[in-house]
Amino acid sequence: MALLNINESELLEKFVTGSGSGGQKLHKTAMCVYLKHIPTGLDVKCQETRQRESNRYFARKRLCEKIEFSLNKEQSEKQKAIEKIRRSKKKRTRRAKQKILDAKLHQAKRKSMRRKPAID
């Protein structure tokens, strides 16, 4: 936070009840942290653990990553990894599949030329 010149006074912090699986304890206590950086308008909601203090830490960490990303206009390493996974899971087009098959066929032909001649 010091590297990005973020002060605690610029943050709006709220504790809200969590959602999702976790049972009665999760729905009764306000351990989910909502952070908003007032100058930039960026906000983060964090509910990684069942402890409020660790959620406060993780929320600040995520907010710093988000602010750094918006300031630099470059993808962070985490964003690049997410994008790589998304591309790998995307379905291939018919043309891409055909291109792969053509390359395999070409390689097979090249390998068949390396064989020793058959003796009749």
PDB file of N, CA and C in Angstrom:
ATOM      1  N   MET A   1       0.826  -1.189   0.000  1.00  0.00           N
ATOM      2  CA  MET A   1       0.000   0.000   0.000  1.00  0.00           C
ATOM      3  C   MET A   1       0.869   1.250   0.000  1.00  0.00           C
ATOM      4  N   ALA A   2       2.025   1.156   0.666  1.00  0.00           N
ATOM      5  CA  ALA A   2       2.926   2.301   0.718  1.00  0.00           C
ATOM      6  C   ALA A   2       3.504   2.602  -0.670  1.00  0.00           C
ATOM      7  N   LEU A   3       3.787   1.553  -1.446  1.00  0.00           N
ATOM      8  CA  LEU A   3       4.336   1.761  -2.782  1.00  0.00           C
ATOM      9  C   LEU A   3       3.343   2.444  -3.716  1.00  0.00           C
ATOM     10  N   LEU A   4       2.057   2.190  -3.501  1.00  0.00           N
ATOM     11  CA  LEU A   4       1.021   2.783  -4.345  1.00  0.00           C
ATOM     12  C   LEU A   4       0.458   4.074  -3.766  1.00  0.00           C
ATOM     13  N   ASN A   5       1.008   4.516  -2.645  1.00  0.00           N
ATOM     14  CA  ASN A   5       0.559   5.735  -1.948  1.00  0.00           C
ATOM     15  C   ASN A   5      -0.920   5.677  -1.577  1.00  0.00           C
ATOM     16  N   ILE A   6      -1.302   4.570  -0.982  1.00  0.00           N
ATOM     17  CA  ILE A   6      -2.682   4.396  -0.526  1.00  0.00           C
ATOM     18  C   ILE A   6      -2.709   4.584   0.988  1.00  0.00           C
ATOM     19  N   ASN A   7      -3.534   5.507   1.447  1.00  0.00           N
ATOM     20  CA  ASN A   7      -3.679   5.751   2.879  1.00  0.00           C
ATOM     21  C   ASN A   7      -4.923   5.040   3.398  1.00  0.00           C
ATOM     22  N   GLU A   8      -4.898   4.697   4.666  1.00  0.00           N
ATOM     23  CA  GLU A   8      -6.065   4.060   5.295  1.00  0.00           C
ATOM     24  C   GLU A   8      -7.266   5.003   5.290  1.00  0.00           C
ATOM     25  N   SER A   9      -7.000   6.306   5.317  1.00  0.00           N
ATOM     26  CA  SER A   9      -8.103   7.277   5.340  1.00  0.00           C
ATOM     27  C   SER A   9      -8.863   7.307   4.016  1.00  0.00           C
ATOM     28  N   GLU A  10      -8.228   6.829   2.926  1.00  0.00           N
ATOM     29  CA  GLU A  10      -8.872   6.801   1.610  1.00  0.00           C
ATOM     30  C   GLU A  10      -9.739   5.563   1.413  1.00  0.00           C
ATOM     31  N   LEU A  11      -9.722   4.646   2.371  1.00  0.00           N
ATOM     32  CA  LEU A  11     -10.453   3.395   2.242  1.00  0.00           C
ATOM     33  C   LEU A  11     -11.758   3.435   3.020  1.00  0.00           C
ATOM     34  N   LEU A  12     -12.787   2.920   2.415  1.00  0.00           N
ATOM     35  CA  LEU A  12     -14.069   2.727   3.090  1.00  0.00           C
ATOM     36  C   LEU A  12     -14.184   1.238   3.361  1.00  0.00           C
ATOM     37  N   GLU A  13     -14.271   0.871   4.644  1.00  0.00           N
ATOM     38  CA  GLU A  13     -14.273  -0.538   5.016  1.00  0.00           C
ATOM     39  C   GLU A  13     -15.581  -0.884   5.717  1.00  0.00           C
ATOM     40  N   LYS A  14     -16.205  -1.969   5.254  1.00  0.00           N
ATOM     41  CA  LYS A  14     -17.438  -2.463   5.861  1.00  0.00           C
ATOM     42  C   LYS A  14     -17.297  -3.954   6.094  1.00  0.00           C
ATOM     43  N   PHE A  15     -17.983  -4.436   7.098  1.00  0.00           N
ATOM     44  CA  PHE A  15     -18.026  -5.869   7.369  1.00  0.00           C
ATOM     45  C   PHE A  15     -19.457  -6.333   7.155  1.00  0.00           C
ATOM     46  N   VAL A  16     -19.618  -7.287   6.263  1.00  0.00           N
ATOM     47  CA  VAL A  16     -20.950  -7.780   5.917  1.00  0.00           C
ATOM     48  C   VAL A  16     -21.007  -9.285   6.130  1.00  0.00           C
ATOM     49  N   THR A  17     -22.205  -9.813   6.222  1.00  0.00           N
ATOM     50  CA  THR A  17     -22.346 -11.257   6.375  1.00  0.00           C
ATOM     51  C   THR A  17     -21.988 -11.933   5.060  1.00  0.00           C
ATOM     52  N   GLY A  18     -21.388 -13.083   5.170  1.00  0.00           N
ATOM     53  CA  GLY A  18     -20.922 -13.800   3.995  1.00  0.00           C
ATOM     54  C   GLY A  18     -22.042 -14.532   3.295  1.00  0.00           C
ATOM     55  N   SER A  19     -21.698 -15.132   2.178  1.00  0.00           N
ATOM     56  CA  SER A  19     -22.667 -15.915   1.427  1.00  0.00           C
ATOM     57  C   SER A  19     -22.006 -17.203   0.980  1.00  0.00           C
ATOM     58  N   GLY A  20     -22.797 -18.135   0.551  1.00  0.00           N
ATOM     59  CA  GLY A  20     -22.264 -19.403   0.078  1.00  0.00           C
ATOM     60  C   GLY A  20     -22.243 -20.449   1.170  1.00  0.00           C
ATOM     61  N   SER A  21     -21.478 -21.515   0.936  1.00  0.00           N
ATOM     62  CA  SER A  21     -21.433 -22.608   1.907  1.00  0.00           C
ATOM     63  C   SER A  21     -20.577 -22.203   3.093  1.00  0.00           C
ATOM     64  N   GLY A  22     -20.859 -22.750   4.245  1.00  0.00           N
ATOM     65  CA  GLY A  22     -20.097 -22.418   5.441  1.00  0.00           C
ATOM     66  C   GLY A  22     -20.919 -22.588   6.694  1.00  0.00           C
ATOM     67  N   GLY A  23     -22.189 -22.764   6.546  1.00  0.00           N
ATOM     68  CA  GLY A  23     -23.021 -23.063   7.693  1.00  0.00           C
ATOM     69  C   GLY A  23     -23.520 -21.844   8.442  1.00  0.00           C
ATOM     70  N   GLN A  24     -24.039 -22.128   9.641  1.00  0.00           N
ATOM     71  CA  GLN A  24     -24.695 -21.117  10.454  1.00  0.00           C
ATOM     72  C   GLN A  24     -23.725 -20.029  10.896  1.00  0.00           C
ATOM     73  N   LYS A  25     -22.516 -20.406  11.227  1.00  0.00           N
ATOM     74  CA  LYS A  25     -21.522 -19.445  11.697  1.00  0.00           C
ATOM     75  C   LYS A  25     -21.272 -18.351  10.657  1.00  0.00           C
ATOM     76  N   LEU A  26     -21.224 -18.741   9.403  1.00  0.00           N
ATOM     77  CA  LEU A  26     -20.961 -17.804   8.314  1.00  0.00           C
ATOM     78  C   LEU A  26     -22.095 -16.794   8.166  1.00  0.00           C
ATOM     79  N   HIS A  27     -23.334 -17.243   8.315  1.00  0.00           N
ATOM     80  CA  HIS A  27     -24.483 -16.379   8.101  1.00  0.00           C
ATOM     81  C   HIS A  27     -24.811 -15.514   9.314  1.00  0.00           C
ATOM     82  N   LYS A  28     -24.291 -15.868  10.476  1.00  0.00           N
ATOM     83  CA  LYS A  28     -24.581 -15.096  11.694  1.00  0.00           C
ATOM     84  C   LYS A  28     -23.579 -13.972  11.929  1.00  0.00           C
ATOM     85  N   THR A  29     -22.344 -14.171  11.522  1.00  0.00           N
ATOM     86  CA  THR A  29     -21.307 -13.186  11.816  1.00  0.00           C
ATOM     87  C   THR A  29     -20.912 -12.419  10.561  1.00  0.00           C
ATOM     88  N   ALA A  30     -20.474 -11.196  10.749  1.00  0.00           N
ATOM     89  CA  ALA A  30     -20.063 -10.345   9.637  1.00  0.00           C
ATOM     90  C   ALA A  30     -18.552 -10.450   9.467  1.00  0.00           C
ATOM     91  N   MET A  31     -18.115 -11.464   8.750  1.00  0.00           N
ATOM     92  CA  MET A  31     -16.676 -11.655   8.565  1.00  0.00           C
ATOM     93  C   MET A  31     -16.226 -11.335   7.143  1.00  0.00           C
ATOM     94  N   CYS A  32     -17.145 -11.104   6.258  1.00  0.00           N
ATOM     95  CA  CYS A  32     -16.815 -10.744   4.887  1.00  0.00           C
ATOM     96  C   CYS A  32     -16.444  -9.258   4.849  1.00  0.00           C
ATOM     97  N   VAL A  33     -15.335  -8.927   4.201  1.00  0.00           N
ATOM     98  CA  VAL A  33     -14.823  -7.555   4.194  1.00  0.00           C
ATOM     99  C   VAL A  33     -15.106  -6.910   2.847  1.00  0.00           C
ATOM    100  N   TYR A  34     -15.667  -5.705   2.893  1.00  0.00           N
ATOM    101  CA  TYR A  34     -15.908  -4.903   1.697  1.00  0.00           C
ATOM    102  C   TYR A  34     -15.024  -3.669   1.793  1.00  0.00           C
ATOM    103  N   LEU A  35     -14.135  -3.503   0.832  1.00  0.00           N
ATOM    104  CA  LEU A  35     -13.225  -2.352   0.804  1.00  0.00           C
ATOM    105  C   LEU A  35     -13.480  -1.546  -0.463  1.00  0.00           C
ATOM    106  N   LYS A  36     -13.485  -0.211  -0.301  1.00  0.00           N
ATOM    107  CA  LYS A  36     -13.632   0.662  -1.454  1.00  0.00           C
ATOM    108  C   LYS A  36     -12.586   1.758  -1.364  1.00  0.00           C
ATOM    109  N   HIS A  37     -11.841   1.931  -2.450  1.00  0.00           N
ATOM    110  CA  HIS A  37     -10.863   3.013  -2.529  1.00  0.00           C
ATOM    111  C   HIS A  37     -11.595   4.215  -3.112  1.00  0.00           C
ATOM    112  N   ILE A  38     -11.809   5.229  -2.290  1.00  0.00           N
ATOM    113  CA  ILE A  38     -12.661   6.351  -2.657  1.00  0.00           C
ATOM    114  C   ILE A  38     -12.129   7.142  -3.858  1.00  0.00           C
ATOM    115  N   PRO A  39     -10.833   7.494  -3.931  1.00  0.00           N
ATOM    116  CA  PRO A  39     -10.362   8.280  -5.088  1.00  0.00           C
ATOM    117  C   PRO A  39     -10.534   7.583  -6.442  1.00  0.00           C
ATOM    118  N   THR A  40     -10.291   6.286  -6.504  1.00  0.00           N
ATOM    119  CA  THR A  40     -10.408   5.581  -7.783  1.00  0.00           C
ATOM    120  C   THR A  40     -11.783   4.957  -7.997  1.00  0.00           C
ATOM    121  N   GLY A  41     -12.512   4.702  -6.922  1.00  0.00           N
ATOM    122  CA  GLY A  41     -13.821   4.091  -7.038  1.00  0.00           C
ATOM    123  C   GLY A  41     -13.773   2.574  -7.160  1.00  0.00           C
ATOM    124  N   LEU A  42     -12.597   1.976  -7.027  1.00  0.00           N
ATOM    125  CA  LEU A  42     -12.466   0.523  -7.110  1.00  0.00           C
ATOM    126  C   LEU A  42     -12.886  -0.112  -5.793  1.00  0.00           C
ATOM    127  N   ASP A  43     -13.579  -1.252  -5.888  1.00  0.00           N
ATOM    128  CA  ASP A  43     -14.015  -1.928  -4.673  1.00  0.00           C
ATOM    129  C   ASP A  43     -13.715  -3.411  -4.752  1.00  0.00           C
ATOM    130  N   VAL A  44     -13.607  -4.019  -3.552  1.00  0.00           N
ATOM    131  CA  VAL A  44     -13.256  -5.434  -3.420  1.00  0.00           C
ATOM    132  C   VAL A  44     -14.090  -6.024  -2.304  1.00  0.00           C
ATOM    133  N   LYS A  45     -14.529  -7.255  -2.506  1.00  0.00           N
ATOM    134  CA  LYS A  45     -15.237  -7.984  -1.461  1.00  0.00           C
ATOM    135  C   LYS A  45     -14.493  -9.292  -1.243  1.00  0.00           C
ATOM    136  N   CYS A  46     -14.119  -9.582   0.010  1.00  0.00           N
ATOM    137  CA  CYS A  46     -13.273 -10.736   0.282  1.00  0.00           C
ATOM    138  C   CYS A  46     -13.882 -11.602   1.383  1.00  0.00           C
ATOM    139  N   GLN A  47     -13.941 -12.902   1.122  1.00  0.00           N
ATOM    140  CA  GLN A  47     -14.461 -13.870   2.083  1.00  0.00           C
ATOM    141  C   GLN A  47     -13.696 -15.172   1.902  1.00  0.00           C
ATOM    142  N   GLU A  48     -12.388 -15.112   1.997  1.00  0.00           N
ATOM    143  CA  GLU A  48     -11.571 -16.303   1.767  1.00  0.00           C
ATOM    144  C   GLU A  48     -11.533 -17.218   2.977  1.00  0.00           C
ATOM    145  N   THR A  49     -11.469 -16.632   4.176  1.00  0.00           N
ATOM    146  CA  THR A  49     -11.367 -17.445   5.380  1.00  0.00           C
ATOM    147  C   THR A  49     -12.516 -17.116   6.315  1.00  0.00           C
ATOM    148  N   ARG A  50     -12.527 -17.782   7.467  1.00  0.00           N
ATOM    149  CA  ARG A  50     -13.572 -17.527   8.446  1.00  0.00           C
ATOM    150  C   ARG A  50     -13.127 -16.528   9.508  1.00  0.00           C
ATOM    151  N   GLN A  51     -11.910 -15.988   9.367  1.00  0.00           N
ATOM    152  CA  GLN A  51     -11.438 -14.979  10.320  1.00  0.00           C
ATOM    153  C   GLN A  51     -11.484 -13.613   9.665  1.00  0.00           C
ATOM    154  N   ARG A  52     -11.981 -12.649  10.422  1.00  0.00           N
ATOM    155  CA  ARG A  52     -12.136 -11.296   9.901  1.00  0.00           C
ATOM    156  C   ARG A  52     -10.783 -10.650   9.607  1.00  0.00           C
ATOM    157  N   GLU A  53      -9.820 -10.840  10.486  1.00  0.00           N
ATOM    158  CA  GLU A  53      -8.514 -10.199  10.317  1.00  0.00           C
ATOM    159  C   GLU A  53      -7.802 -10.688   9.057  1.00  0.00           C
ATOM    160  N   SER A  54      -7.837 -11.968   8.814  1.00  0.00           N
ATOM    161  CA  SER A  54      -7.177 -12.470   7.606  1.00  0.00           C
ATOM    162  C   SER A  54      -7.929 -12.009   6.354  1.00  0.00           C
ATOM    163  N   ASN A  55      -9.251 -11.897   6.435  1.00  0.00           N
ATOM    164  CA  ASN A  55     -10.017 -11.378   5.301  1.00  0.00           C
ATOM    165  C   ASN A  55      -9.683  -9.913   5.043  1.00  0.00           C
ATOM    166  N   ARG A  56      -9.430  -9.149   6.096  1.00  0.00           N
ATOM    167  CA  ARG A  56      -9.028  -7.751   5.936  1.00  0.00           C
ATOM    168  C   ARG A  56      -7.701  -7.676   5.178  1.00  0.00           C
ATOM    169  N   TYR A  57      -6.778  -8.553   5.532  1.00  0.00           N
ATOM    170  CA  TYR A  57      -5.469  -8.585   4.863  1.00  0.00           C
ATOM    171  C   TYR A  57      -5.623  -8.936   3.389  1.00  0.00           C
ATOM    172  N   PHE A  58      -6.382 -10.003   3.097  1.00  0.00           N
ATOM    173  CA  PHE A  58      -6.556 -10.438   1.721  1.00  0.00           C
ATOM    174  C   PHE A  58      -7.295  -9.381   0.885  1.00  0.00           C
ATOM    175  N   ALA A  59      -8.260  -8.693   1.500  1.00  0.00           N
ATOM    176  CA  ALA A  59      -8.993  -7.652   0.777  1.00  0.00           C
ATOM    177  C   ALA A  59      -8.063  -6.509   0.398  1.00  0.00           C
ATOM    178  N   ARG A  60      -7.194  -6.115   1.315  1.00  0.00           N
ATOM    179  CA  ARG A  60      -6.236  -5.045   1.010  1.00  0.00           C
ATOM    180  C   ARG A  60      -5.260  -5.478  -0.089  1.00  0.00           C
ATOM    181  N   LYS A  61      -4.856  -6.733  -0.026  1.00  0.00           N
ATOM    182  CA  LYS A  61      -3.934  -7.258  -1.029  1.00  0.00           C
ATOM    183  C   LYS A  61      -4.585  -7.233  -2.413  1.00  0.00           C
ATOM    184  N   ARG A  62      -5.835  -7.689  -2.507  1.00  0.00           N
ATOM    185  CA  ARG A  62      -6.549  -7.681  -3.777  1.00  0.00           C
ATOM    186  C   ARG A  62      -6.775  -6.269  -4.296  1.00  0.00           C
ATOM    187  N   LEU A  63      -7.109  -5.346  -3.372  1.00  0.00           N
ATOM    188  CA  LEU A  63      -7.337  -3.966  -3.765  1.00  0.00           C
ATOM    189  C   LEU A  63      -6.065  -3.348  -4.331  1.00  0.00           C
ATOM    190  N   CYS A  64      -4.932  -3.641  -3.713  1.00  0.00           N
ATOM    191  CA  CYS A  64      -3.646  -3.131  -4.221  1.00  0.00           C
ATOM    192  C   CYS A  64      -3.360  -3.679  -5.618  1.00  0.00           C
ATOM    193  N   GLU A  65      -3.640  -4.965  -5.826  1.00  0.00           N
ATOM    194  CA  GLU A  65      -3.434  -5.560  -7.149  1.00  0.00           C
ATOM    195  C   GLU A  65      -4.325  -4.894  -8.191  1.00  0.00           C
ATOM    196  N   LYS A  66      -5.572  -4.627  -7.801  1.00  0.00           N
ATOM    197  CA  LYS A  66      -6.524  -4.014  -8.708  1.00  0.00           C
ATOM    198  C   LYS A  66      -6.107  -2.586  -9.062  1.00  0.00           C
ATOM    199  N   ILE A  67      -5.660  -1.834  -8.070  1.00  0.00           N
ATOM    200  CA  ILE A  67      -5.229  -0.455  -8.299  1.00  0.00           C
ATOM    201  C   ILE A  67      -3.974  -0.430  -9.156  1.00  0.00           C
ATOM    202  N   GLU A  68      -3.047  -1.329  -8.871  1.00  0.00           N
ATOM    203  CA  GLU A  68      -1.813  -1.401  -9.655  1.00  0.00           C
ATOM    204  C   GLU A  68      -2.125  -1.741 -11.105  1.00  0.00           C
ATOM    205  N   PHE A  69      -3.052  -2.644 -11.311  1.00  0.00           N
ATOM    206  CA  PHE A  69      -3.450  -3.025 -12.662  1.00  0.00           C
ATOM    207  C   PHE A  69      -4.064  -1.845 -13.396  1.00  0.00           C
ATOM    208  N   SER A  70      -4.930  -1.093 -12.715  1.00  0.00           N
ATOM    209  CA  SER A  70      -5.575   0.042 -13.369  1.00  0.00           C
ATOM    210  C   SER A  70      -4.597   1.177 -13.628  1.00  0.00           C
ATOM    211  N   LEU A  71      -3.585   1.339 -12.776  1.00  0.00           N
ATOM    212  CA  LEU A  71      -2.591   2.390 -12.976  1.00  0.00           C
ATOM    213  C   LEU A  71      -1.635   2.052 -14.107  1.00  0.00           C
ATOM    214  N   ASN A  72      -1.188   0.823 -14.171  1.00  0.00           N
ATOM    215  CA  ASN A  72      -0.191   0.435 -15.162  1.00  0.00           C
ATOM    216  C   ASN A  72      -0.796   0.090 -16.510  1.00  0.00           C
ATOM    217  N   LYS A  73      -2.083  -0.217 -16.529  1.00  0.00           N
ATOM    218  CA  LYS A  73      -2.763  -0.640 -17.754  1.00  0.00           C
ATOM    219  C   LYS A  73      -2.089  -1.843 -18.395  1.00  0.00           C
ATOM    220  N   GLU A  74      -1.413  -2.629 -17.589  1.00  0.00           N
ATOM    221  CA  GLU A  74      -0.798  -3.868 -18.064  1.00  0.00           C
ATOM    222  C   GLU A  74      -1.409  -5.017 -17.289  1.00  0.00           C
ATOM    223  N   GLN A  75      -1.398  -6.170 -17.889  1.00  0.00           N
ATOM    224  CA  GLN A  75      -1.926  -7.322 -17.186  1.00  0.00           C
ATOM    225  C   GLN A  75      -0.895  -7.836 -16.201  1.00  0.00           C
ATOM    226  N   SER A  76      -1.349  -8.085 -14.996  1.00  0.00           N
ATOM    227  CA  SER A  76      -0.462  -8.656 -14.002  1.00  0.00           C
ATOM    228  C   SER A  76      -0.235 -10.130 -14.334  1.00  0.00           C
ATOM    229  N   GLU A  77       0.674 -10.751 -13.621  1.00  0.00           N
ATOM    230  CA  GLU A  77       0.968 -12.167 -13.857  1.00  0.00           C
ATOM    231  C   GLU A  77      -0.268 -13.025 -13.614  1.00  0.00           C
ATOM    232  N   LYS A  78      -1.038 -12.651 -12.619  1.00  0.00           N
ATOM    233  CA  LYS A  78      -2.242 -13.416 -12.299  1.00  0.00           C
ATOM    234  C   LYS A  78      -3.259 -13.328 -13.436  1.00  0.00           C
ATOM    235  N   GLN A  79      -3.440 -12.129 -13.979  1.00  0.00           N
ATOM    236  CA  GLN A  79      -4.371 -11.944 -15.083  1.00  0.00           C
ATOM    237  C   GLN A  79      -3.910 -12.705 -16.320  1.00  0.00           C
ATOM    238  N   LYS A  80      -2.597 -12.726 -16.560  1.00  0.00           N
ATOM    239  CA  LYS A  80      -2.068 -13.457 -17.703  1.00  0.00           C
ATOM    240  C   LYS A  80      -2.324 -14.953 -17.561  1.00  0.00           C
ATOM    241  N   ALA A  81      -2.156 -15.478 -16.333  1.00  0.00           N
ATOM    242  CA  ALA A  81      -2.403 -16.903 -16.092  1.00  0.00           C
ATOM    243  C   ALA A  81      -3.873 -17.247 -16.310  1.00  0.00           C
ATOM    244  N   ILE A  82      -4.750 -16.378 -15.844  1.00  0.00           N
ATOM    245  CA  ILE A  82      -6.196 -16.606 -16.012  1.00  0.00           C
ATOM    246  C   ILE A  82      -6.554 -16.592 -17.493  1.00  0.00           C
ATOM    247  N   GLU A  83      -6.000 -15.651 -18.238  1.00  0.00           N
ATOM    248  CA  GLU A  83      -6.281 -15.554 -19.661  1.00  0.00           C
ATOM    249  C   GLU A  83      -5.741 -16.764 -20.423  1.00  0.00           C
ATOM    250  N   LYS A  84      -4.583 -17.269 -20.004  1.00  0.00           N
ATOM    251  CA  LYS A  84      -4.002 -18.447 -20.653  1.00  0.00           C
ATOM    252  C   LYS A  84      -4.895 -19.664 -20.450  1.00  0.00           C
ATOM    253  N   ILE A  85      -5.424 -19.836 -19.244  1.00  0.00           N
ATOM    254  CA  ILE A  85      -6.330 -20.953 -18.960  1.00  0.00           C
ATOM    255  C   ILE A  85      -7.604 -20.819 -19.784  1.00  0.00           C
ATOM    256  N   ARG A  86      -8.122 -19.604 -19.885  1.00  0.00           N
ATOM    257  CA  ARG A  86      -9.346 -19.370 -20.645  1.00  0.00           C
ATOM    258  C   ARG A  86      -9.139 -19.726 -22.126  1.00  0.00           C
ATOM    259  N   ARG A  87      -7.992 -19.333 -22.679  1.00  0.00           N
ATOM    260  CA  ARG A  87      -7.709 -19.646 -24.084  1.00  0.00           C
ATOM    261  C   ARG A  87      -7.548 -21.141 -24.303  1.00  0.00           C
ATOM    262  N   SER A  88      -6.901 -21.829 -23.346  1.00  0.00           N
ATOM    263  CA  SER A  88      -6.674 -23.263 -23.524  1.00  0.00           C
ATOM    264  C   SER A  88      -7.971 -24.063 -23.438  1.00  0.00           C
ATOM    265  N   LYS A  89      -8.939 -23.565 -22.684  1.00  0.00           N
ATOM    266  CA  LYS A  89     -10.203 -24.283 -22.541  1.00  0.00           C
ATOM    267  C   LYS A  89     -11.176 -23.977 -23.671  1.00  0.00           C
ATOM    268  N   LYS A  90     -10.883 -22.926 -24.434  1.00  0.00           N
ATOM    269  CA  LYS A  90     -11.774 -22.532 -25.511  1.00  0.00           C
ATOM    270  C   LYS A  90     -11.804 -23.609 -26.597  1.00  0.00           C
ATOM    271  N   LYS A  91     -12.973 -23.845 -27.157  1.00  0.00           N
ATOM    272  CA  LYS A  91     -13.133 -24.870 -28.183  1.00  0.00           C
ATOM    273  C   LYS A  91     -12.437 -24.435 -29.463  1.00  0.00           C
ATOM    274  N   ARG A  92     -11.752 -25.383 -30.101  1.00  0.00           N
ATOM    275  CA  ARG A  92     -11.041 -25.077 -31.340  1.00  0.00           C
ATOM    276  C   ARG A  92     -12.020 -24.968 -32.506  1.00  0.00           C
ATOM    277  N   THR A  93     -11.672 -24.121 -33.449  1.00  0.00           N
ATOM    278  CA  THR A  93     -12.497 -23.987 -34.645  1.00  0.00           C
ATOM    279  C   THR A  93     -12.195 -25.144 -35.593  1.00  0.00           C
ATOM    280  N   ARG A  94     -13.059 -25.309 -36.581  1.00  0.00           N
ATOM    281  CA  ARG A  94     -12.873 -26.375 -37.556  1.00  0.00           C
ATOM    282  C   ARG A  94     -11.571 -26.187 -38.334  1.00  0.00           C
ATOM    283  N   ARG A  95     -11.291 -24.951 -38.658  1.00  0.00           N
ATOM    284  CA  ARG A  95     -10.072 -24.652 -39.420  1.00  0.00           C
ATOM    285  C   ARG A  95      -8.819 -24.977 -38.607  1.00  0.00           C
ATOM    286  N   ALA A  96      -8.850 -24.650 -37.298  1.00  0.00           N
ATOM    287  CA  ALA A  96      -7.696 -24.940 -36.441  1.00  0.00           C
ATOM    288  C   ALA A  96      -7.483 -26.448 -36.319  1.00  0.00           C
ATOM    289  N   LYS A  97      -8.571 -27.203 -36.180  1.00  0.00           N
ATOM    290  CA  LYS A  97      -8.469 -28.662 -36.103  1.00  0.00           C
ATOM    291  C   LYS A  97      -7.870 -29.227 -37.385  1.00  0.00           C
ATOM    292  N   GLN A  98      -8.326 -28.713 -38.530  1.00  0.00           N
ATOM    293  CA  GLN A  98      -7.831 -29.197 -39.817  1.00  0.00           C
ATOM    294  C   GLN A  98      -6.350 -28.872 -39.981  1.00  0.00           C
ATOM    295  N   LYS A  99      -5.948 -27.719 -39.507  1.00  0.00           N
ATOM    296  CA  LYS A  99      -4.546 -27.315 -39.586  1.00  0.00           C
ATOM    297  C   LYS A  99      -3.659 -28.262 -38.780  1.00  0.00           C
ATOM    298  N   ILE A 100      -4.128 -28.645 -37.597  1.00  0.00           N
ATOM    299  CA  ILE A 100      -3.391 -29.575 -36.745  1.00  0.00           C
ATOM    300  C   ILE A 100      -3.270 -30.936 -37.422  1.00  0.00           C
ATOM    301  N   LEU A 101      -4.376 -31.410 -37.997  1.00  0.00           N
ATOM    302  CA  LEU A 101      -4.361 -32.701 -38.682  1.00  0.00           C
ATOM    303  C   LEU A 101      -3.439 -32.689 -39.893  1.00  0.00           C
ATOM    304  N   ASP A 102      -3.435 -31.585 -40.628  1.00  0.00           N
ATOM    305  CA  ASP A 102      -2.535 -31.466 -41.786  1.00  0.00           C
ATOM    306  C   ASP A 102      -1.075 -31.510 -41.338  1.00  0.00           C
ATOM    307  N   ALA A 103      -0.762 -30.865 -40.255  1.00  0.00           N
ATOM    308  CA  ALA A 103       0.607 -30.861 -39.738  1.00  0.00           C
ATOM    309  C   ALA A 103       1.024 -32.265 -39.308  1.00  0.00           C
ATOM    310  N   LYS A 104       0.101 -33.001 -38.676  1.00  0.00           N
ATOM    311  CA  LYS A 104       0.396 -34.379 -38.267  1.00  0.00           C
ATOM    312  C   LYS A 104       0.636 -35.270 -39.485  1.00  0.00           C
ATOM    313  N   LEU A 105      -0.180 -35.109 -40.502  1.00  0.00           N
ATOM    314  CA  LEU A 105      -0.034 -35.899 -41.722  1.00  0.00           C
ATOM    315  C   LEU A 105       1.311 -35.614 -42.401  1.00  0.00           C
ATOM    316  N   HIS A 106       1.671 -34.357 -42.449  1.00  0.00           N
ATOM    317  CA  HIS A 106       2.953 -33.964 -43.048  1.00  0.00           C
ATOM    318  C   HIS A 106       4.113 -34.582 -42.273  1.00  0.00           C
ATOM    319  N   GLN A 107       4.046 -34.562 -40.946  1.00  0.00           N
ATOM    320  CA  GLN A 107       5.096 -35.152 -40.116  1.00  0.00           C
ATOM    321  C   GLN A 107       5.169 -36.663 -40.329  1.00  0.00           C
ATOM    322  N   ALA A 108       4.022 -37.312 -40.473  1.00  0.00           N
ATOM    323  CA  ALA A 108       3.992 -38.759 -40.700  1.00  0.00           C
ATOM    324  C   ALA A 108       4.652 -39.122 -42.032  1.00  0.00           C
ATOM    325  N   LYS A 109       4.409 -38.307 -43.045  1.00  0.00           N
ATOM    326  CA  LYS A 109       5.026 -38.555 -44.353  1.00  0.00           C
ATOM    327  C   LYS A 109       6.546 -38.400 -44.266  1.00  0.00           C
ATOM    328  N   ARG A 110       6.991 -37.401 -43.552  1.00  0.00           N
ATOM    329  CA  ARG A 110       8.431 -37.191 -43.389  1.00  0.00           C
ATOM    330  C   ARG A 110       9.067 -38.350 -42.639  1.00  0.00           C
ATOM    331  N   LYS A 111       8.388 -38.861 -41.636  1.00  0.00           N
ATOM    332  CA  LYS A 111       8.934 -39.980 -40.867  1.00  0.00           C
ATOM    333  C   LYS A 111       8.963 -41.260 -41.695  1.00  0.00           C
ATOM    334  N   SER A 112       7.968 -41.430 -42.550  1.00  0.00           N
ATOM    335  CA  SER A 112       7.938 -42.657 -43.362  1.00  0.00           C
ATOM    336  C   SER A 112       9.098 -42.691 -44.364  1.00  0.00           C
ATOM    337  N   MET A 113       9.604 -41.535 -44.741  1.00  0.00           N
ATOM    338  CA  MET A 113      10.744 -41.472 -45.654  1.00  0.00           C
ATOM    339  C   MET A 113      12.039 -41.894 -44.967  1.00  0.00           C
ATOM    340  N   ARG A 114      12.078 -41.902 -43.640  1.00  0.00           N
ATOM    341  CA  ARG A 114      13.284 -42.266 -42.902  1.00  0.00           C
ATOM    342  C   ARG A 114      13.453 -43.777 -42.760  1.00  0.00           C
ATOM    343  N   ARG A 115      12.419 -44.551 -43.050  1.00  0.00           N
ATOM    344  CA  ARG A 115      12.480 -45.993 -42.886  1.00  0.00           C
ATOM    345  C   ARG A 115      13.498 -46.635 -43.821  1.00  0.00           C
ATOM    346  N   LYS A 116      13.987 -47.767 -43.397  1.00  0.00           N
ATOM    347  CA  LYS A 116      14.882 -48.535 -44.259  1.00  0.00           C
ATOM    348  C   LYS A 116      14.056 -49.142 -45.372  1.00  0.00           C
ATOM    349  N   PRO A 117      14.649 -49.287 -46.534  1.00  0.00           N
ATOM    350  CA  PRO A 117      13.896 -49.894 -47.645  1.00  0.00           C
ATOM    351  C   PRO A 117      13.572 -51.358 -47.340  1.00  0.00           C
ATOM    352  N   ALA A 118      12.406 -51.774 -47.709  1.00  0.00           N
ATOM    353  CA  ALA A 118      11.979 -53.154 -47.491  1.00  0.00           C
ATOM    354  C   ALA A 118      12.647 -54.083 -48.494  1.00  0.00           C
ATOM    355  N   ILE A 119      13.064 -55.226 -48.022  1.00  0.00           N
ATOM    356  CA  ILE A 119      13.703 -56.224 -48.905  1.00  0.00           C
ATOM    357  C   ILE A 119      12.620 -57.203 -49.333  1.00  0.00           C
ATOM    358  N   ASP A 120      12.470 -57.388 -50.643  1.00  0.00           N
ATOM    359  CA  ASP A 120      11.446 -58.294 -51.166  1.00  0.00           C
ATOM    360  C   ASP A 120      11.981 -59.669 -51.368  1.00  0.00           C
TER     361      ASP A 120
END
